[in-house]
C-alpha atoms as a PDB file:
ATOM      1  CA  MET A   1      54.355 108.310 102.324  1.00  0.00           C
ATOM      2  CA  PHE A   2      54.758 104.955 100.624  1.00  0.00           C
ATOM      3  CA  LEU A   3      56.692 103.182 103.370  1.00  0.00           C
ATOM      4  CA  ARG A   4      54.321 104.483 106.038  1.00  0.00           C
ATOM      5  CA  ALA A   5      51.293 103.226 104.123  1.00  0.00           C
ATOM      6  CA  TYR A   6      52.823  99.795 103.581  1.00  0.00           C
ATOM      7  CA  PRO A   7      54.752  98.457 106.610  1.00  0.00           C
ATOM      8  CA  SER A   8      55.433  95.186 104.779  1.00  0.00           C
ATOM      9  CA  ALA A   9      57.101  97.117 101.967  1.00  0.00           C
ATOM     10  CA  ARG A  10      59.343  98.828 104.524  1.00  0.00           C
ATOM     11  CA  ALA A  11      60.345  95.405 105.851  1.00  0.00           C
ATOM     12  CA  LEU A  12      61.153  94.266 102.315  1.00  0.00           C
ATOM     13  CA  VAL A  13      63.281  97.366 101.731  1.00  0.00           C
ATOM     14  CA  ILE A  14      65.208  96.744 104.953  1.00  0.00           C
ATOM     15  CA  LEU A  15      65.689  93.102 103.984  1.00  0.00           C
ATOM     16  CA  TYR A  16      66.891  94.145 100.512  1.00  0.00           C
ATOM     17  CA  ILE A  17      69.405  96.586 102.001  1.00  0.00           C
ATOM     18  CA  MET A  18      70.707  93.924 104.407  1.00  0.00           C
ATOM     19  CA  ILE A  19      71.142  91.393 101.586  1.00  0.00           C
ATOM     20  CA  LEU A  20      72.870  94.017  99.450  1.00  0.00           C
ATOM     21  CA  HIS A  21      75.348  94.842 102.228  1.00  0.00           C
ATOM     22  CA  ILE A  22      76.025  91.154 102.913  1.00  0.00           C
ATOM     23  CA  TRP A  23      76.661  90.609  99.189  1.00  0.00           C
ATOM     24  CA  VAL A  24      79.072  93.570  99.014  1.00  0.00           C
ATOM     25  CA  PHE A  25      80.994  92.426 102.099  1.00  0.00           C
ATOM     26  CA  PHE A  26      81.114  88.892 100.673  1.00  0.00           C
ATOM     27  CA  ILE A  27      82.652  90.192  97.440  1.00  0.00           C
ATOM     28  CA  LEU A  28      85.151  92.390  99.297  1.00  0.00           C
ATOM     29  CA  PHE A  29      86.298  89.659 101.682  1.00  0.00           C
ATOM     30  CA  THR A  30      86.513  86.901  99.075  1.00  0.00           C
ATOM     31  CA  TYR A  31      88.211  89.026  96.419  1.00  0.00           C
ATOM     32  CA  ARG A  32      91.929  88.356  96.303  1.00  0.00           C
ATOM     33  CA  PRO A  33      93.793  90.772  94.018  1.00  0.00           C
ATOM     34  CA  GLU A  34      96.841  89.529  92.183  1.00  0.00           C
ATOM     35  CA  ILE A  35     100.022  90.758  93.837  1.00  0.00           C
ATOM     36  CA  HIS A  36     102.952  91.157  91.476  1.00  0.00           C
END
């Protein structure tokens, strides 16, 4: 298994997922839809 053979790669994947979630939450919380 790739992630088992490379622990550093697994750490990078976890870091990538965390950054992706933070980015999504940032977009959701800062997005203000126009209310008409």
